[in-house]
Amino acid sequence: MDPDVRWGKRTATDRRPEEKYVGYELHLATYVPPTGADPIPQLTAGMVLRSGVTRRAPAVVAILDTLGDVDEVLLDRGYTQAKAENLARPLRVRGVEVTMDLHSTQRGVRPGPIPGTIWVDGHLYISAMPEALQNLDEPPMSISQDERKEIRGRFDKREAYRFTALAKHRDDRNSQRFKGPALAGHLRCVNTPASIRLGHHLPTTSCAKGAPCGCGKTVTVPDTDVERDRQPHPWQSTAWVRSYNRRSLIEGLNAQIRFQSLNINRGFIRLNGLASTTLLLAVTLAGRNFDRLHDWHTARGLNDPWQDHLGEPPDDRPLDRYTRTRGKPRRWRQ
């Protein structure tokens, strides 16, 4: 009996329903290239092993502190639903931006910091944004690409009504100043005369002249406002999708170490204790990194980094090819 194991929960997948287990939970990190950049080797950048479903948010912070010089993370909803003081705030203090998928509890319309403003899905907008754009659902998985593109277009239409940064973040005051979309030249509003002179291709709000509105206002937003749900790109916008889609790399890494290049599943390590299991996993994943680096560079006709470092001759052996014995299969007899 392992005294360090705890209760955990697996989310449902295509292969199995949601279920509970007793054991450990492995938290992995991998490097991802910037949006639109060339691919890079898919390596295990960091790992933390926890007993069951315990201390998930501190596991993320521990990995980032070990890696250092990280300015953006793409996180699963299993992490981003943590309280702001446990995850969002520590990451912000470290200068790390979070790109995430919002849970249903993180979505919806909330009052903004000043009259004429609202929070929608973690971003600040004017309350004059059409109601048809305020409550949008994410695209279903089963629809076609054309239908999905149409829904993305609705989310992109929100951009004209969004507040944008007016100045850099004030670290000394833990706040940032934002300007309304009429001041930014993103739409036309009768209460901001300069915006009316802009082209008619821009949307025009239904604000009544002289009535209070947020279109031409500036506002200072404390970091603690909607702290858990804020991210660089508006949720489900085209820019957000391009950024968040990079998170598939960590899913690919999980598949590789569990089913493809390795078989890290229950029973792979047959020792008790959190310390010994963590050590063996670290050694296993480090060895897999060496293998992956060699395959990556050799497949592209490049020198393995260790070959250059150690001055070894090039390795021209074939990759991922195995021969079978030509003899007849053996039959066991009792």
C-alpha atoms as a PDB file:
ATOM      1  CA  MET A   1       0.000   0.000   0.000  1.00  0.00           C
ATOM      2  CA  ASP A   2       1.380   3.405  -1.032  1.00  0.00           C
ATOM      3  CA  PRO A   3       0.839   5.928   1.797  1.00  0.00           C
ATOM      4  CA  ASP A   4       1.287   8.956  -0.529  1.00  0.00           C
ATOM      5  CA  VAL A   5      -1.552   8.287  -2.978  1.00  0.00           C
ATOM      6  CA  ARG A   6      -4.835  10.213  -2.823  1.00  0.00           C
ATOM      7  CA  TRP A   7      -8.213  10.300  -4.543  1.00  0.00           C
ATOM      8  CA  GLY A   8      -8.281  11.753  -8.042  1.00  0.00           C
ATOM      9  CA  LYS A   9     -10.749  12.160 -10.902  1.00  0.00           C
ATOM     10  CA  ARG A  10     -10.409  11.584 -14.639  1.00  0.00           C
ATOM     11  CA  THR A  11     -12.588  13.573 -17.021  1.00  0.00           C
ATOM     12  CA  ALA A  12     -14.603  11.669 -19.609  1.00  0.00           C
ATOM     13  CA  THR A  13     -13.049  10.939 -23.020  1.00  0.00           C
ATOM     14  CA  ASP A  14     -14.039   8.992 -26.145  1.00  0.00           C
ATOM     15  CA  ARG A  15     -12.464   5.880 -24.605  1.00  0.00           C
ATOM     16  CA  ARG A  16     -13.943   5.953 -21.083  1.00  0.00           C
ATOM     17  CA  PRO A  17     -16.490   7.779 -18.904  1.00  0.00           C
ATOM     18  CA  GLU A  18     -15.616  10.094 -16.042  1.00  0.00           C
ATOM     19  CA  GLU A  19     -14.209   8.070 -13.173  1.00  0.00           C
ATOM     20  CA  LYS A  20     -12.393   8.323  -9.862  1.00  0.00           C
ATOM     21  CA  TYR A  21      -9.096   6.671  -8.995  1.00  0.00           C
ATOM     22  CA  VAL A  22      -6.530   6.392  -6.240  1.00  0.00           C
ATOM     23  CA  GLY A  23      -3.015   7.409  -7.260  1.00  0.00           C
ATOM     24  CA  TYR A  24      -0.970  10.339  -8.527  1.00  0.00           C
ATOM     25  CA  GLU A  25      -1.567  13.130 -11.036  1.00  0.00           C
ATOM     26  CA  LEU A  26       1.255  14.111 -13.389  1.00  0.00           C
ATOM     27  CA  HIS A  27       1.440  17.770 -14.467  1.00  0.00           C
ATOM     28  CA  LEU A  28       3.445  18.287 -17.667  1.00  0.00           C
ATOM     29  CA  ALA A  29       4.652  21.340 -19.583  1.00  0.00           C
ATOM     30  CA  THR A  30       6.014  21.588 -23.107  1.00  0.00           C
ATOM     31  CA  TYR A  31       7.404  24.423 -25.199  1.00  0.00           C
ATOM     32  CA  VAL A  32       5.170  25.950 -27.885  1.00  0.00           C
ATOM     33  CA  PRO A  33       6.277  28.283 -30.696  1.00  0.00           C
ATOM     34  CA  PRO A  34       4.736  31.753 -31.119  1.00  0.00           C
ATOM     35  CA  THR A  35       1.541  31.919 -33.168  1.00  0.00           C
ATOM     36  CA  GLY A  36       2.379  31.342 -36.828  1.00  0.00           C
ATOM     37  CA  ALA A  37       6.033  30.444 -36.156  1.00  0.00           C
ATOM     38  CA  ASP A  38       7.812  27.301 -37.382  1.00  0.00           C
ATOM     39  CA  PRO A  39       7.396  24.058 -35.379  1.00  0.00           C
ATOM     40  CA  ILE A  40       9.908  23.136 -32.688  1.00  0.00           C
ATOM     41  CA  PRO A  41      10.827  19.777 -31.084  1.00  0.00           C
ATOM     42  CA  GLN A  42       8.092  18.574 -28.748  1.00  0.00           C
ATOM     43  CA  LEU A  43       9.867  18.057 -25.438  1.00  0.00           C
ATOM     44  CA  THR A  44       8.899  17.697 -21.799  1.00  0.00           C
ATOM     45  CA  ALA A  45       9.891  21.092 -20.425  1.00  0.00           C
ATOM     46  CA  GLY A  46       8.850  20.446 -16.837  1.00  0.00           C
ATOM     47  CA  MET A  47       6.895  18.073 -14.628  1.00  0.00           C
ATOM     48  CA  VAL A  48       5.359  17.963 -11.165  1.00  0.00           C
ATOM     49  CA  LEU A  49       3.798  14.884  -9.565  1.00  0.00           C
ATOM     50  CA  ARG A  50       1.007  15.380  -7.043  1.00  0.00           C
ATOM     51  CA  SER A  51      -0.969  12.974  -4.892  1.00  0.00           C
ATOM     52  CA  GLY A  52      -4.415  12.749  -6.478  1.00  0.00           C
ATOM     53  CA  VAL A  53      -6.213  15.981  -7.325  1.00  0.00           C
ATOM     54  CA  THR A  54      -4.313  18.199  -4.904  1.00  0.00           C
ATOM     55  CA  ARG A  55      -2.530  21.550  -5.313  1.00  0.00           C
ATOM     56  CA  ARG A  56      -2.949  21.893  -9.058  1.00  0.00           C
ATOM     57  CA  ALA A  57      -2.391  25.649  -9.177  1.00  0.00           C
ATOM     58  CA  PRO A  58       0.867  25.504  -7.140  1.00  0.00           C
ATOM     59  CA  ALA A  59       2.067  22.800  -9.543  1.00  0.00           C
ATOM     60  CA  VAL A  60       1.768  25.275 -12.455  1.00  0.00           C
ATOM     61  CA  VAL A  61       3.594  27.991 -10.523  1.00  0.00           C
ATOM     62  CA  ALA A  62       6.351  25.551  -9.506  1.00  0.00           C
ATOM     63  CA  ILE A  63       7.018  24.532 -13.116  1.00  0.00           C
ATOM     64  CA  LEU A  64       7.122  28.151 -14.315  1.00  0.00           C
ATOM     65  CA  ASP A  65       9.484  29.165 -11.512  1.00  0.00           C
ATOM     66  CA  THR A  66      11.800  26.309 -12.497  1.00  0.00           C
ATOM     67  CA  LEU A  67      11.746  27.176 -16.204  1.00  0.00           C
ATOM     68  CA  GLY A  68      12.054  30.945 -15.790  1.00  0.00           C
ATOM     69  CA  ASP A  69      11.726  33.530 -18.608  1.00  0.00           C
ATOM     70  CA  VAL A  70       8.183  32.453 -19.571  1.00  0.00           C
ATOM     71  CA  ASP A  71       5.812  35.184 -20.768  1.00  0.00           C
ATOM     72  CA  GLU A  72       2.747  33.138 -21.787  1.00  0.00           C
ATOM     73  CA  VAL A  73       1.066  29.878 -20.799  1.00  0.00           C
ATOM     74  CA  LEU A  74      -1.778  27.918 -22.413  1.00  0.00           C
ATOM     75  CA  LEU A  75      -3.675  26.164 -19.651  1.00  0.00           C
ATOM     76  CA  ASP A  76      -6.403  23.559 -19.389  1.00  0.00           C
ATOM     77  CA  ARG A  77      -9.663  24.462 -17.638  1.00  0.00           C
ATOM     78  CA  GLY A  78      -8.697  22.064 -14.847  1.00  0.00           C
ATOM     79  CA  TYR A  79      -6.215  24.747 -13.771  1.00  0.00           C
ATOM     80  CA  THR A  80      -7.848  28.034 -14.757  1.00  0.00           C
ATOM     81  CA  GLN A  81     -10.938  27.520 -12.600  1.00  0.00           C
ATOM     82  CA  ALA A  82      -8.757  27.921  -9.516  1.00  0.00           C
ATOM     83  CA  LYS A  83      -9.287  30.964  -7.314  1.00  0.00           C
ATOM     84  CA  ALA A  84      -7.552  34.083  -8.600  1.00  0.00           C
ATOM     85  CA  GLU A  85      -5.261  34.348  -5.588  1.00  0.00           C
ATOM     86  CA  ASN A  86      -4.007  30.789  -6.217  1.00  0.00           C
ATOM     87  CA  LEU A  87      -3.173  31.038  -9.926  1.00  0.00           C
ATOM     88  CA  ALA A  88      -4.124  34.164 -11.910  1.00  0.00           C
ATOM     89  CA  ARG A  89      -2.528  36.546  -9.426  1.00  0.00           C
ATOM     90  CA  PRO A  90       0.783  34.652  -8.975  1.00  0.00           C
ATOM     91  CA  LEU A  91       1.124  34.412 -12.771  1.00  0.00           C
ATOM     92  CA  ARG A  92       0.384  38.110 -13.253  1.00  0.00           C
ATOM     93  CA  VAL A  93       2.972  39.033 -10.618  1.00  0.00           C
ATOM     94  CA  ARG A  94       5.498  36.970 -12.587  1.00  0.00           C
ATOM     95  CA  GLY A  95       4.574  38.732 -15.835  1.00  0.00           C
ATOM     96  CA  VAL A  96       2.988  35.621 -17.365  1.00  0.00           C
ATOM     97  CA  GLU A  97      -0.106  35.988 -19.577  1.00  0.00           C
ATOM     98  CA  VAL A  98      -2.686  33.190 -19.635  1.00  0.00           C
ATOM     99  CA  THR A  99      -4.555  31.971 -22.720  1.00  0.00           C
ATOM    100  CA  MET A 100      -7.405  29.673 -21.699  1.00  0.00           C
ATOM    101  CA  ASP A 101     -10.778  28.231 -22.571  1.00  0.00           C
ATOM    102  CA  LEU A 102     -13.505  29.654 -20.342  1.00  0.00           C
ATOM    103  CA  HIS A 103     -15.767  27.426 -18.263  1.00  0.00           C
ATOM    104  CA  SER A 104     -19.491  28.213 -18.251  1.00  0.00           C
ATOM    105  CA  THR A 105     -19.073  29.768 -14.783  1.00  0.00           C
ATOM    106  CA  GLN A 106     -16.509  32.217 -16.205  1.00  0.00           C
ATOM    107  CA  ARG A 107     -18.697  33.421 -19.063  1.00  0.00           C
ATOM    108  CA  GLY A 108     -21.586  35.864 -19.256  1.00  0.00           C
ATOM    109  CA  VAL A 109     -22.292  39.572 -18.768  1.00  0.00           C
ATOM    110  CA  ARG A 110     -21.313  41.425 -15.588  1.00  0.00           C
ATOM    111  CA  PRO A 111     -21.445  45.132 -14.639  1.00  0.00           C
ATOM    112  CA  GLY A 112     -18.377  47.152 -15.605  1.00  0.00           C
ATOM    113  CA  PRO A 113     -16.301  49.501 -13.417  1.00  0.00           C
ATOM    114  CA  ILE A 114     -18.137  52.665 -14.592  1.00  0.00           C
ATOM    115  CA  PRO A 115     -21.610  53.348 -16.014  1.00  0.00           C
ATOM    116  CA  GLY A 116     -21.906  52.419 -19.673  1.00  0.00           C
ATOM    117  CA  THR A 117     -19.475  49.487 -19.425  1.00  0.00           C
ATOM    118  CA  ILE A 118     -19.885  45.726 -19.020  1.00  0.00           C
ATOM    119  CA  TRP A 119     -17.633  42.721 -18.614  1.00  0.00           C
ATOM    120  CA  VAL A 120     -18.326  40.023 -21.214  1.00  0.00           C
ATOM    121  CA  ASP A 121     -16.402  36.739 -21.123  1.00  0.00           C
ATOM    122  CA  GLY A 122     -13.476  38.338 -19.305  1.00  0.00           C
ATOM    123  CA  HIS A 123     -13.108  41.510 -21.431  1.00  0.00           C
ATOM    124  CA  LEU A 124     -14.389  45.064 -20.955  1.00  0.00           C
ATOM    125  CA  TYR A 125     -16.941  46.389 -23.480  1.00  0.00           C
ATOM    126  CA  ILE A 126     -19.395  49.257 -23.751  1.00  0.00           C
ATOM    127  CA  SER A 127     -22.936  48.448 -22.657  1.00  0.00           C
ATOM    128  CA  ALA A 128     -24.135  49.797 -26.035  1.00  0.00           C
ATOM    129  CA  MET A 129     -22.845  46.634 -27.695  1.00  0.00           C
ATOM    130  CA  PRO A 130     -25.834  44.942 -29.406  1.00  0.00           C
ATOM    131  CA  GLU A 131     -27.505  42.322 -27.212  1.00  0.00           C
ATOM    132  CA  ALA A 132     -27.159  39.779 -30.023  1.00  0.00           C
ATOM    133  CA  LEU A 133     -23.366  39.933 -29.494  1.00  0.00           C
ATOM    134  CA  GLN A 134     -23.395  39.885 -25.702  1.00  0.00           C
ATOM    135  CA  ASN A 135     -24.449  36.280 -25.139  1.00  0.00           C
ATOM    136  CA  LEU A 136     -22.758  33.990 -27.649  1.00  0.00           C
ATOM    137  CA  ASP A 137     -22.195  30.254 -27.266  1.00  0.00           C
ATOM    138  CA  GLU A 138     -19.028  28.489 -28.349  1.00  0.00           C
ATOM    139  CA  PRO A 139     -19.213  26.521 -31.630  1.00  0.00           C
ATOM    140  CA  PRO A 140     -20.367  22.898 -31.217  1.00  0.00           C
ATOM    141  CA  MET A 141     -17.845  20.217 -32.062  1.00  0.00           C
ATOM    142  CA  SER A 142     -20.042  18.547 -34.688  1.00  0.00           C
ATOM    143  CA  ILE A 143     -20.552  21.489 -37.076  1.00  0.00           C
ATOM    144  CA  SER A 144     -18.795  22.074 -40.398  1.00  0.00           C
ATOM    145  CA  GLN A 145     -15.862  24.416 -40.913  1.00  0.00           C
ATOM    146  CA  ASP A 146     -18.056  26.935 -42.747  1.00  0.00           C
ATOM    147  CA  GLU A 147     -20.519  27.035 -39.860  1.00  0.00           C
ATOM    148  CA  ARG A 148     -17.690  27.343 -37.397  1.00  0.00           C
ATOM    149  CA  LYS A 149     -16.202  30.236 -39.378  1.00  0.00           C
ATOM    150  CA  GLU A 150     -19.569  32.014 -39.335  1.00  0.00           C
ATOM    151  CA  ILE A 151     -19.785  31.737 -35.540  1.00  0.00           C
ATOM    152  CA  ARG A 152     -16.221  32.996 -35.176  1.00  0.00           C
ATOM    153  CA  GLY A 153     -17.246  36.004 -37.256  1.00  0.00           C
ATOM    154  CA  ARG A 154     -19.895  36.889 -34.674  1.00  0.00           C
ATOM    155  CA  PHE A 155     -17.324  36.818 -31.899  1.00  0.00           C
ATOM    156  CA  ASP A 156     -14.996  38.988 -34.006  1.00  0.00           C
ATOM    157  CA  LYS A 157     -17.729  41.620 -34.358  1.00  0.00           C
ATOM    158  CA  ARG A 158     -17.398  42.267 -30.618  1.00  0.00           C
ATOM    159  CA  GLU A 159     -13.975  43.809 -31.210  1.00  0.00           C
ATOM    160  CA  ALA A 160     -15.452  47.148 -32.347  1.00  0.00           C
ATOM    161  CA  TYR A 161     -17.093  47.578 -28.913  1.00  0.00           C
ATOM    162  CA  ARG A 162     -14.137  46.538 -26.747  1.00  0.00           C
ATOM    163  CA  PHE A 163     -12.007  48.804 -24.571  1.00  0.00           C
ATOM    164  CA  THR A 164      -8.318  48.856 -25.525  1.00  0.00           C
ATOM    165  CA  ALA A 165      -5.211  49.737 -23.544  1.00  0.00           C
ATOM    166  CA  LEU A 166      -4.507  53.463 -23.293  1.00  0.00           C
ATOM    167  CA  ALA A 167      -1.219  53.191 -21.410  1.00  0.00           C
ATOM    168  CA  LYS A 168       1.185  50.576 -20.133  1.00  0.00           C
ATOM    169  CA  HIS A 169       0.384  48.583 -17.046  1.00  0.00           C
ATOM    170  CA  ARG A 170       1.178  50.436 -13.816  1.00  0.00           C
ATOM    171  CA  ASP A 171       3.038  47.921 -11.694  1.00  0.00           C
ATOM    172  CA  ASP A 172       3.272  50.388  -8.819  1.00  0.00           C
ATOM    173  CA  ARG A 173      -0.530  50.808  -8.733  1.00  0.00           C
ATOM    174  CA  ASN A 174      -1.552  47.319  -9.900  1.00  0.00           C
ATOM    175  CA  SER A 175      -3.842  48.775 -12.553  1.00  0.00           C
ATOM    176  CA  GLN A 176      -4.074  49.731 -16.224  1.00  0.00           C
ATOM    177  CA  ARG A 177      -5.877  52.503 -18.059  1.00  0.00           C
ATOM    178  CA  PHE A 178      -8.198  51.693 -20.978  1.00  0.00           C
ATOM    179  CA  LYS A 179      -9.972  53.851 -23.567  1.00  0.00           C
ATOM    180  CA  GLY A 180     -13.419  53.449 -25.057  1.00  0.00           C
ATOM    181  CA  PRO A 181     -13.876  52.225 -28.642  1.00  0.00           C
ATOM    182  CA  ALA A 182     -15.024  55.644 -29.916  1.00  0.00           C
ATOM    183  CA  LEU A 183     -11.767  57.204 -28.700  1.00  0.00           C
ATOM    184  CA  ALA A 184      -9.844  54.358 -30.320  1.00  0.00           C
ATOM    185  CA  GLY A 185     -11.610  54.950 -33.652  1.00  0.00           C
ATOM    186  CA  HIS A 186     -13.304  51.567 -33.713  1.00  0.00           C
ATOM    187  CA  LEU A 187     -16.887  52.839 -33.940  1.00  0.00           C
ATOM    188  CA  ARG A 188     -19.026  55.985 -34.242  1.00  0.00           C
ATOM    189  CA  CYS A 189     -20.945  57.501 -31.324  1.00  0.00           C
ATOM    190  CA  VAL A 190     -22.892  60.781 -31.212  1.00  0.00           C
ATOM    191  CA  ASN A 191     -21.448  61.555 -27.786  1.00  0.00           C
ATOM    192  CA  THR A 192     -17.912  61.518 -29.203  1.00  0.00           C
ATOM    193  CA  PRO A 193     -18.059  64.070 -32.069  1.00  0.00           C
ATOM    194  CA  ALA A 194     -14.670  63.151 -33.522  1.00  0.00           C
ATOM    195  CA  SER A 195     -15.840  59.571 -34.067  1.00  0.00           C
ATOM    196  CA  ILE A 196     -18.813  60.693 -36.181  1.00  0.00           C
ATOM    197  CA  ARG A 197     -16.375  62.014 -38.791  1.00  0.00           C
ATOM    198  CA  LEU A 198     -14.993  58.512 -39.269  1.00  0.00           C
ATOM    199  CA  GLY A 199     -16.061  56.356 -42.191  1.00  0.00           C
ATOM    200  CA  HIS A 200     -19.519  54.803 -42.395  1.00  0.00           C
ATOM    201  CA  HIS A 201     -17.938  51.365 -42.699  1.00  0.00           C
ATOM    202  CA  LEU A 202     -17.601  51.452 -38.900  1.00  0.00           C
ATOM    203  CA  PRO A 203     -20.567  50.455 -36.711  1.00  0.00           C
ATOM    204  CA  THR A 204     -22.615  53.285 -35.222  1.00  0.00           C
ATOM    205  CA  THR A 205     -23.971  52.904 -31.690  1.00  0.00           C
ATOM    206  CA  SER A 206     -27.560  53.576 -30.695  1.00  0.00           C
ATOM    207  CA  CYS A 207     -26.509  55.916 -27.870  1.00  0.00           C
ATOM    208  CA  ALA A 208     -28.796  58.941 -27.356  1.00  0.00           C
ATOM    209  CA  LYS A 209     -27.085  62.319 -27.613  1.00  0.00           C
ATOM    210  CA  GLY A 210     -26.261  63.650 -24.158  1.00  0.00           C
ATOM    211  CA  ALA A 211     -27.112  60.383 -22.420  1.00  0.00           C
ATOM    212  CA  PRO A 212     -24.347  58.732 -20.357  1.00  0.00           C
ATOM    213  CA  CYS A 213     -22.373  56.106 -22.290  1.00  0.00           C
ATOM    214  CA  GLY A 214     -18.928  54.573 -22.127  1.00  0.00           C
ATOM    215  CA  CYS A 215     -17.965  54.900 -25.802  1.00  0.00           C
ATOM    216  CA  GLY A 216     -15.711  57.923 -25.314  1.00  0.00           C
ATOM    217  CA  LYS A 217     -14.641  57.331 -21.717  1.00  0.00           C
ATOM    218  CA  THR A 218     -11.324  56.270 -20.234  1.00  0.00           C
ATOM    219  CA  VAL A 219     -11.244  54.023 -17.205  1.00  0.00           C
ATOM    220  CA  THR A 220      -8.599  52.733 -14.811  1.00  0.00           C
ATOM    221  CA  VAL A 221      -9.120  49.021 -14.190  1.00  0.00           C
ATOM    222  CA  PRO A 222      -7.547  47.411 -11.084  1.00  0.00           C
ATOM    223  CA  ASP A 223      -5.854  44.067 -11.648  1.00  0.00           C
ATOM    224  CA  THR A 224      -8.260  42.470  -9.188  1.00  0.00           C
ATOM    225  CA  ASP A 225     -11.334  43.161 -11.387  1.00  0.00           C
ATOM    226  CA  VAL A 226     -12.460  39.912 -13.066  1.00  0.00           C
ATOM    227  CA  GLU A 227      -8.927  38.751 -12.302  1.00  0.00           C
ATOM    228  CA  ARG A 228      -9.420  35.051 -12.908  1.00  0.00           C
ATOM    229  CA  ASP A 229     -11.038  35.367 -16.361  1.00  0.00           C
ATOM    230  CA  ARG A 230      -8.912  37.969 -18.184  1.00  0.00           C
ATOM    231  CA  GLN A 231      -6.591  37.007 -21.043  1.00  0.00           C
ATOM    232  CA  PRO A 232      -4.841  38.725 -23.995  1.00  0.00           C
ATOM    233  CA  HIS A 233      -7.342  37.795 -26.738  1.00  0.00           C
ATOM    234  CA  PRO A 234     -11.149  37.806 -26.436  1.00  0.00           C
ATOM    235  CA  TRP A 235     -12.516  34.307 -25.922  1.00  0.00           C
ATOM    236  CA  GLN A 236     -13.507  32.470 -29.138  1.00  0.00           C
ATOM    237  CA  SER A 237     -12.251  35.256 -31.400  1.00  0.00           C
ATOM    238  CA  THR A 238     -10.133  34.317 -34.407  1.00  0.00           C
ATOM    239  CA  ALA A 239      -6.979  35.589 -32.680  1.00  0.00           C
ATOM    240  CA  TRP A 240      -7.822  33.552 -29.573  1.00  0.00           C
ATOM    241  CA  VAL A 241      -8.427  30.384 -31.598  1.00  0.00           C
ATOM    242  CA  ARG A 242      -5.074  30.683 -33.384  1.00  0.00           C
ATOM    243  CA  SER A 243      -3.310  31.105 -30.069  1.00  0.00           C
ATOM    244  CA  TYR A 244      -5.220  28.505 -28.046  1.00  0.00           C
ATOM    245  CA  ASN A 245      -4.955  25.839 -30.751  1.00  0.00           C
ATOM    246  CA  ARG A 246      -1.264  25.556 -29.866  1.00  0.00           C
ATOM    247  CA  ARG A 247      -2.347  23.789 -26.660  1.00  0.00           C
ATOM    248  CA  SER A 248      -2.864  20.671 -28.764  1.00  0.00           C
ATOM    249  CA  LEU A 249       0.909  20.203 -28.473  1.00  0.00           C
ATOM    250  CA  ILE A 250       0.643  19.194 -24.821  1.00  0.00           C
ATOM    251  CA  GLU A 251      -2.159  16.765 -25.688  1.00  0.00           C
ATOM    252  CA  GLY A 252       0.108  15.285 -28.336  1.00  0.00           C
ATOM    253  CA  LEU A 253       2.900  14.950 -25.784  1.00  0.00           C
ATOM    254  CA  ASN A 254       0.559  13.112 -23.408  1.00  0.00           C
ATOM    255  CA  ALA A 255      -0.421  10.711 -26.188  1.00  0.00           C
ATOM    256  CA  GLN A 256       3.212  10.062 -27.117  1.00  0.00           C
ATOM    257  CA  ILE A 257       4.421   9.222 -23.623  1.00  0.00           C
ATOM    258  CA  ARG A 258       1.357   7.101 -22.837  1.00  0.00           C
ATOM    259  CA  PHE A 259       0.703   5.171 -26.047  1.00  0.00           C
ATOM    260  CA  GLN A 260       3.223   5.926 -28.819  1.00  0.00           C
ATOM    261  CA  SER A 261       6.870   6.312 -27.857  1.00  0.00           C
ATOM    262  CA  LEU A 262       6.384   5.212 -24.215  1.00  0.00           C
ATOM    263  CA  ASN A 263       3.793   3.421 -22.092  1.00  0.00           C
ATOM    264  CA  ILE A 264       3.573   5.549 -18.952  1.00  0.00           C
ATOM    265  CA  ASN A 265       0.331   4.210 -17.522  1.00  0.00           C
ATOM    266  CA  ARG A 266      -0.712   2.504 -14.323  1.00  0.00           C
ATOM    267  CA  GLY A 267       1.862  -0.165 -13.500  1.00  0.00           C
ATOM    268  CA  PHE A 268       4.704   1.436 -15.488  1.00  0.00           C
ATOM    269  CA  ILE A 269       6.503   2.298 -12.221  1.00  0.00           C
ATOM    270  CA  ARG A 270       6.239  -0.366  -9.526  1.00  0.00           C
ATOM    271  CA  LEU A 271       7.605   1.442  -6.509  1.00  0.00           C
ATOM    272  CA  ASN A 272       5.757   3.094  -3.659  1.00  0.00           C
ATOM    273  CA  GLY A 273       6.202   6.675  -2.546  1.00  0.00           C
ATOM    274  CA  LEU A 274       5.901  10.084  -4.150  1.00  0.00           C
ATOM    275  CA  ALA A 275       9.664  10.788  -4.125  1.00  0.00           C
ATOM    276  CA  SER A 276      10.740   7.556  -5.828  1.00  0.00           C
ATOM    277  CA  THR A 277       7.942   7.736  -8.422  1.00  0.00           C
ATOM    278  CA  THR A 278       8.821  11.349  -9.236  1.00  0.00           C
ATOM    279  CA  LEU A 279      12.508  10.498  -9.686  1.00  0.00           C
ATOM    280  CA  LEU A 280      11.859   7.589 -12.033  1.00  0.00           C
ATOM    281  CA  LEU A 281       9.395   9.613 -14.085  1.00  0.00           C
ATOM    282  CA  ALA A 282      11.896  12.456 -14.401  1.00  0.00           C
ATOM    283  CA  VAL A 283      14.614  10.082 -15.630  1.00  0.00           C
ATOM    284  CA  THR A 284      12.200   8.456 -18.098  1.00  0.00           C
ATOM    285  CA  LEU A 285      11.013  11.769 -19.556  1.00  0.00           C
ATOM    286  CA  ALA A 286      14.569  13.130 -19.768  1.00  0.00           C
ATOM    287  CA  GLY A 287      15.583  10.055 -21.778  1.00  0.00           C
ATOM    288  CA  ARG A 288      12.599  10.553 -24.044  1.00  0.00           C
ATOM    289  CA  ASN A 289      13.743  14.163 -24.624  1.00  0.00           C
ATOM    290  CA  PHE A 290      17.150  12.944 -25.821  1.00  0.00           C
ATOM    291  CA  ASP A 291      15.449  10.508 -28.189  1.00  0.00           C
ATOM    292  CA  ARG A 292      13.091  13.173 -29.523  1.00  0.00           C
ATOM    293  CA  LEU A 293      15.868  15.705 -30.130  1.00  0.00           C
ATOM    294  CA  HIS A 294      17.863  13.119 -32.073  1.00  0.00           C
ATOM    295  CA  ASP A 295      14.867  12.141 -34.233  1.00  0.00           C
ATOM    296  CA  TRP A 296      13.876  15.755 -34.876  1.00  0.00           C
ATOM    297  CA  HIS A 297      17.280  16.910 -36.094  1.00  0.00           C
ATOM    298  CA  THR A 298      18.193  13.756 -38.008  1.00  0.00           C
ATOM    299  CA  ALA A 299      14.880  13.749 -39.904  1.00  0.00           C
ATOM    300  CA  ARG A 300      15.671  17.299 -41.090  1.00  0.00           C
ATOM    301  CA  GLY A 301      19.268  16.571 -42.022  1.00  0.00           C
ATOM    302  CA  LEU A 302      20.610  18.536 -39.067  1.00  0.00           C
ATOM    303  CA  ASN A 303      23.240  17.606 -36.552  1.00  0.00           C
ATOM    304  CA  ASP A 304      22.048  16.353 -33.198  1.00  0.00           C
ATOM    305  CA  PRO A 305      22.805  19.085 -30.598  1.00  0.00           C
ATOM    306  CA  TRP A 306      24.713  16.565 -28.468  1.00  0.00           C
ATOM    307  CA  GLN A 307      26.812  15.552 -31.471  1.00  0.00           C
ATOM    308  CA  ASP A 308      27.929  19.148 -31.942  1.00  0.00           C
ATOM    309  CA  HIS A 309      28.543  19.573 -28.224  1.00  0.00           C
ATOM    310  CA  LEU A 310      30.573  16.352 -27.855  1.00  0.00           C
ATOM    311  CA  GLY A 311      32.200  16.400 -31.291  1.00  0.00           C
ATOM    312  CA  GLU A 312      30.775  13.003 -32.274  1.00  0.00           C
ATOM    313  CA  PRO A 313      30.424  11.855 -35.907  1.00  0.00           C
ATOM    314  CA  PRO A 314      26.943  12.076 -37.529  1.00  0.00           C
ATOM    315  CA  ASP A 315      24.531   9.210 -36.817  1.00  0.00           C
ATOM    316  CA  ASP A 316      23.129   7.932 -40.120  1.00  0.00           C
ATOM    317  CA  ARG A 317      21.096   5.017 -38.740  1.00  0.00           C
ATOM    318  CA  PRO A 318      17.466   4.796 -40.001  1.00  0.00           C
ATOM    319  CA  LEU A 319      14.802   6.236 -37.715  1.00  0.00           C
ATOM    320  CA  ASP A 320      11.899   4.297 -36.215  1.00  0.00           C
ATOM    321  CA  ARG A 321      12.433   1.232 -38.400  1.00  0.00           C
ATOM    322  CA  TYR A 322      12.627  -2.253 -37.042  1.00  0.00           C
ATOM    323  CA  THR A 323      13.269  -5.663 -38.655  1.00  0.00           C
ATOM    324  CA  ARG A 324      11.361  -8.828 -37.913  1.00  0.00           C
ATOM    325  CA  THR A 325      12.746 -12.307 -37.504  1.00  0.00           C
ATOM    326  CA  ARG A 326      12.088 -14.377 -40.629  1.00  0.00           C
ATOM    327  CA  GLY A 327      11.874 -17.634 -38.754  1.00  0.00           C
ATOM    328  CA  LYS A 328       8.626 -19.451 -38.112  1.00  0.00           C
ATOM    329  CA  PRO A 329       6.654 -18.335 -35.047  1.00  0.00           C
ATOM    330  CA  ARG A 330       7.069 -20.538 -32.027  1.00  0.00           C
ATOM    331  CA  ARG A 331       4.123 -22.483 -30.698  1.00  0.00           C
ATOM    332  CA  TRP A 332       3.892 -23.266 -27.034  1.00  0.00           C
ATOM    333  CA  ARG A 333       2.806 -26.764 -26.174  1.00  0.00           C
ATOM    334  CA  GLN A 334       1.655 -28.085 -22.846  1.00  0.00           C
END
